[in-house]
Amino acid sequence: MSLALTPAEITTVKLSLKLGVWTMLISLLVGSPLAWWVSRRDTFARRLVSAVATMPLVVPPTVLGFYLLFFMGPFGPVGKVFKIFGLQLLPFTFTGLILASVICSMPFVVQPLSNAFIALGERPLEAASTLGANALDAFLTVILPQSKPAFLTAAIMSFAHAIGEFGVVLMIGGNIPNVTRVLSMQIYVYVENMNYARAHILAGGLVVFAILTMLAMQLLNPRQRAGADRVRGGSSRDGS
């Protein structure tokens, strides 16, 4: 059995990486101000928005994909608007796949960022304000650098989740070669055709990718490393 990827598999890898990069960039662009907004005050509206943004964590991907398919389809509100302007409908296109992936990845951006913003508190903003910085300057020069570990976590997790997503990909993207057939769908095709040898190669690659992703998060997050060092230091003192 050859471990080399076939041309079709190389195409699915490229599509998956492209999906992951676009999902990560758009999720950070949309999720950062959203996380900032929900972290400012504890009101019912902010709790509701936060709940909606993190809903994909508990809603089955096929359910989420079904409703996205309905809203973006020809009889849904988004689809009707697209039809009025003569635009191509989003289901079963790579653009629609990106949009669905961003929605599914939003919890992995909003949660770590909002937690980081809450942990910083108001003091850094007050200090920046006394120095004459406006809200945007304070965010870019104070909040953003101090929240770098959270942004790294959000970027890595949104990218990795987009690579491994299946349910929403199946509902929104379908299984169109060279268009929406990403790695998860290629594995599904192999298993459906009982080509377990090729499925093992791709699935094993995703397992390694997942392990490397979690390892990268730990290495890039200094707070996790510091916590681990404290635990090891406490254990050694107890043993002595």
Protein backbone atom coordinates (compact mmCIF):
# COMPACT_ATOMS: atom_id res chain seq x y z
CA MET A 1 0.00 0.00 0.00
CA SER A 2 1.44 3.32 -1.08
CA LEU A 3 1.42 6.11 1.50
CA ALA A 4 1.77 8.77 -1.17
CA LEU A 5 -1.29 10.95 -1.70
CA THR A 6 -3.17 10.64 -4.96
CA PRO A 7 -3.91 13.76 -7.04
CA ALA A 8 -7.52 13.71 -5.81
CA GLU A 9 -6.35 13.51 -2.19
CA ILE A 10 -3.90 16.37 -2.71
CA THR A 11 -6.80 18.46 -3.99
CA THR A 12 -8.87 17.66 -0.90
CA VAL A 13 -5.93 18.61 1.35
CA LYS A 14 -5.55 21.95 -0.45
CA LEU A 15 -9.28 22.63 -0.17
CA SER A 16 -9.23 21.74 3.54
CA LEU A 17 -6.28 24.06 4.23
CA LYS A 18 -7.95 26.82 2.23
CA LEU A 19 -11.15 26.33 4.21
CA GLY A 20 -9.23 26.38 7.49
CA VAL A 21 -7.34 29.58 6.69
CA TRP A 22 -10.43 31.48 5.52
CA THR A 23 -12.43 30.25 8.50
CA MET A 24 -9.71 31.33 10.92
CA LEU A 25 -9.33 34.81 9.41
CA ILE A 26 -13.04 35.57 9.19
CA SER A 27 -13.78 34.08 12.60
CA LEU A 28 -11.13 36.28 14.22
CA LEU A 29 -12.35 39.33 12.32
CA VAL A 30 -15.97 38.80 13.39
CA GLY A 31 -15.43 37.09 16.72
CA SER A 32 -12.95 39.58 18.22
CA PRO A 33 -15.33 42.59 18.41
CA LEU A 34 -18.16 40.24 19.37
CA ALA A 35 -16.13 38.81 22.25
CA TRP A 36 -15.15 42.33 23.31
CA TRP A 37 -18.80 43.42 23.34
CA VAL A 38 -20.09 40.44 25.35
CA SER A 39 -17.28 40.86 27.89
CA ARG A 40 -18.02 44.49 28.74
CA ARG A 41 -21.17 44.24 30.85
CA ASP A 42 -23.22 41.44 32.32
CA THR A 43 -26.62 42.13 30.75
CA PHE A 44 -29.28 39.77 29.45
CA ALA A 45 -28.73 40.91 25.84
CA ARG A 46 -25.04 40.11 26.05
CA ARG A 47 -25.73 36.74 27.66
CA LEU A 48 -28.20 35.96 24.89
CA VAL A 49 -25.74 36.90 22.14
CA SER A 50 -23.00 34.90 23.85
CA ALA A 51 -25.33 31.89 24.09
CA VAL A 52 -26.20 32.10 20.40
CA ALA A 53 -22.53 32.48 19.41
CA THR A 54 -21.50 29.43 21.44
CA MET A 55 -24.56 27.35 20.53
CA PRO A 56 -22.66 25.22 17.97
CA LEU A 57 -20.86 23.57 20.90
CA VAL A 58 -24.05 21.74 21.93
CA VAL A 59 -26.21 21.67 18.79
CA PRO A 60 -25.54 18.64 16.55
CA PRO A 61 -23.72 19.73 13.39
CA THR A 62 -26.38 18.14 11.19
CA VAL A 63 -29.07 20.21 12.92
CA LEU A 64 -27.08 23.39 12.48
CA GLY A 65 -26.33 22.45 8.89
CA PHE A 66 -30.00 21.78 8.21
CA TYR A 67 -31.08 25.23 9.35
CA LEU A 68 -28.21 26.91 7.51
CA LEU A 69 -29.27 25.00 4.40
CA PHE A 70 -32.83 26.23 4.89
CA PHE A 71 -31.87 29.89 5.43
CA MET A 72 -29.40 29.95 2.54
CA GLY A 73 -31.55 27.83 0.21
CA PRO A 74 -33.91 29.14 -2.47
CA PHE A 75 -36.89 29.33 -0.08
CA GLY A 76 -35.00 30.77 2.91
CA PRO A 77 -34.67 34.48 3.70
CA VAL A 78 -31.01 34.68 2.67
CA GLY A 79 -31.62 32.67 -0.48
CA LYS A 80 -34.56 34.87 -1.50
CA VAL A 81 -32.41 37.99 -1.17
CA PHE A 82 -29.70 36.38 -3.28
CA LYS A 83 -32.26 35.46 -5.93
CA ILE A 84 -33.58 39.04 -6.05
CA PHE A 85 -30.10 40.36 -6.83
CA GLY A 86 -29.34 37.52 -9.22
CA LEU A 87 -26.57 36.07 -7.07
CA GLN A 88 -25.60 32.42 -6.86
CA LEU A 89 -27.09 30.60 -3.90
CA LEU A 90 -24.62 29.65 -1.19
CA PRO A 91 -25.44 25.95 -0.60
CA PHE A 92 -23.05 23.53 -2.31
CA THR A 93 -20.48 26.23 -2.99
CA PHE A 94 -17.11 26.81 -1.35
CA THR A 95 -18.25 30.26 -0.21
CA GLY A 96 -21.25 28.75 1.54
CA LEU A 97 -18.95 26.18 3.09
CA ILE A 98 -16.75 28.95 4.49
CA LEU A 99 -19.75 30.78 5.95
CA ALA A 100 -21.06 27.62 7.62
CA SER A 101 -17.60 26.79 8.94
CA VAL A 102 -17.23 30.28 10.44
CA ILE A 103 -20.52 29.91 12.28
CA CYS A 104 -19.49 26.49 13.61
CA SER A 105 -16.08 27.79 14.70
CA MET A 106 -17.36 30.93 16.42
CA PRO A 107 -17.45 29.36 19.94
CA PHE A 108 -13.73 28.60 19.68
CA VAL A 109 -13.07 32.30 19.10
CA VAL A 110 -15.64 34.02 21.31
CA GLN A 111 -15.09 31.93 24.44
CA PRO A 112 -11.30 32.25 24.87
CA LEU A 113 -11.27 35.90 23.84
CA SER A 114 -14.18 36.98 26.05
CA ASN A 115 -12.63 35.10 29.00
CA ALA A 116 -9.32 36.86 28.38
CA PHE A 117 -10.97 40.27 28.13
CA ILE A 118 -12.89 39.69 31.36
CA ALA A 119 -9.73 38.54 33.14
CA LEU A 120 -7.91 41.75 32.17
CA GLY A 121 -10.52 43.88 33.90
CA GLU A 122 -10.97 47.64 33.52
CA ARG A 123 -7.65 48.82 34.97
CA PRO A 124 -5.58 48.60 31.72
CA LEU A 125 -8.26 50.57 29.85
CA GLU A 126 -8.41 53.20 32.59
CA ALA A 127 -4.62 53.57 32.52
CA ALA A 128 -4.66 53.94 28.73
CA SER A 129 -7.45 56.49 28.96
CA THR A 130 -5.48 58.64 31.38
CA LEU A 131 -2.65 58.69 28.82
CA GLY A 132 -5.03 60.04 26.17
CA ALA A 133 -5.62 56.84 24.19
CA ASN A 134 -9.00 56.44 22.51
CA ALA A 135 -10.93 53.15 22.56
CA LEU A 136 -9.33 51.79 19.37
CA ASP A 137 -5.81 52.74 20.45
CA ALA A 138 -6.36 51.16 23.85
CA PHE A 139 -7.57 47.94 22.25
CA LEU A 140 -4.68 47.71 19.77
CA THR A 141 -1.86 48.76 22.11
CA VAL A 142 -3.04 47.42 25.48
CA ILE A 143 -5.74 44.77 25.21
CA LEU A 144 -4.45 43.00 22.09
CA PRO A 145 -0.86 42.42 23.32
CA GLN A 146 -2.02 41.25 26.75
CA SER A 147 -4.53 38.86 25.16
CA LYS A 148 -2.08 37.31 22.71
CA PRO A 149 -2.36 33.76 24.19
CA ALA A 150 -6.14 33.89 23.81
CA PHE A 151 -5.85 35.06 20.20
CA LEU A 152 -3.40 32.25 19.46
CA THR A 153 -5.80 29.75 21.00
CA ALA A 154 -8.72 31.15 19.01
CA ALA A 155 -6.75 31.08 15.76
CA ILE A 156 -5.49 27.52 16.22
CA MET A 157 -8.82 26.11 17.37
CA SER A 158 -10.90 27.78 14.64
CA PHE A 159 -8.46 26.55 11.99
CA ALA A 160 -8.33 23.01 13.37
CA HIS A 161 -12.08 22.78 13.84
CA ALA A 162 -12.66 23.81 10.23
CA ILE A 163 -10.27 21.10 9.05
CA GLY A 164 -12.05 18.37 11.00
CA GLU A 165 -15.70 19.42 10.60
CA PHE A 166 -17.99 16.89 8.90
CA GLY A 167 -21.70 17.34 9.67
CA VAL A 168 -22.07 20.90 8.47
CA VAL A 169 -19.76 20.20 5.52
CA LEU A 170 -22.03 17.36 4.47
CA MET A 171 -25.20 19.46 4.74
CA ILE A 172 -23.96 22.71 3.20
CA GLY A 173 -21.08 21.70 0.96
CA GLY A 174 -22.27 18.34 -0.19
CA ASN A 175 -19.65 16.16 -1.80
CA ILE A 176 -18.58 17.91 -4.99
CA PRO A 177 -15.07 16.94 -6.18
CA ASN A 178 -12.66 19.87 -6.56
CA VAL A 179 -15.27 22.23 -5.05
CA THR A 180 -16.43 21.14 -1.59
CA ARG A 181 -14.93 17.67 -1.08
CA VAL A 182 -12.59 18.34 1.84
CA LEU A 183 -10.68 15.75 3.88
CA SER A 184 -13.56 14.71 6.12
CA MET A 185 -15.75 14.08 3.07
CA GLN A 186 -12.98 12.18 1.26
CA ILE A 187 -12.65 9.85 4.24
CA TYR A 188 -16.43 9.35 4.21
CA VAL A 189 -16.30 8.45 0.50
CA TYR A 190 -13.53 5.92 1.10
CA VAL A 191 -15.37 4.27 3.98
CA GLU A 192 -18.60 4.18 1.97
CA ASN A 193 -16.72 2.40 -0.83
CA MET A 194 -14.96 0.13 1.70
CA ASN A 195 -11.57 1.49 0.68
CA TYR A 196 -10.31 1.29 4.23
CA ALA A 197 -6.64 1.45 3.31
CA ARG A 198 -6.89 4.97 1.89
CA ALA A 199 -9.29 5.97 4.66
CA HIS A 200 -6.69 4.91 7.25
CA ILE A 201 -4.04 7.11 5.64
CA LEU A 202 -6.21 10.25 5.65
CA ALA A 203 -7.80 9.57 9.04
CA GLY A 204 -4.41 8.86 10.59
CA GLY A 205 -3.11 12.12 9.18
CA LEU A 206 -5.98 14.01 10.82
CA VAL A 207 -5.27 12.29 14.15
CA VAL A 208 -1.64 13.40 13.97
CA PHE A 209 -2.79 16.88 12.99
CA ALA A 210 -5.10 17.00 16.03
CA ILE A 211 -2.31 15.95 18.38
CA LEU A 212 0.06 18.55 16.93
CA THR A 213 -2.66 21.19 17.23
CA MET A 214 -3.19 20.56 20.92
CA LEU A 215 0.57 20.41 21.48
CA ALA A 216 1.00 23.74 19.72
CA MET A 217 -1.64 25.31 21.95
CA GLN A 218 0.24 24.20 25.05
CA LEU A 219 3.61 25.37 23.74
CA LEU A 220 2.32 28.74 22.58
CA ASN A 221 0.36 29.47 25.75
CA PRO A 222 2.79 30.68 28.44
CA ARG A 223 0.10 30.58 31.13
CA GLN A 224 -0.42 26.86 30.62
CA ARG A 225 3.33 26.25 30.74
CA ALA A 226 3.67 28.36 33.89
CA GLY A 227 0.83 26.44 35.54
CA ALA A 228 2.43 23.13 34.62
CA ASP A 229 5.77 24.31 36.05
CA ARG A 230 4.07 25.28 39.31
CA VAL A 231 2.42 21.87 39.55
CA ARG A 232 5.72 20.08 38.92
CA GLY A 233 7.49 22.33 41.41
CA GLY A 234 4.87 21.65 44.09
CA SER A 235 5.05 17.90 43.47
CA SER A 236 8.83 17.86 43.80
CA ARG A 237 8.69 19.79 47.08
CA ASP A 238 6.04 17.43 48.45
CA GLY A 239 8.15 14.44 47.45
CA SER A 240 11.22 15.87 49.18
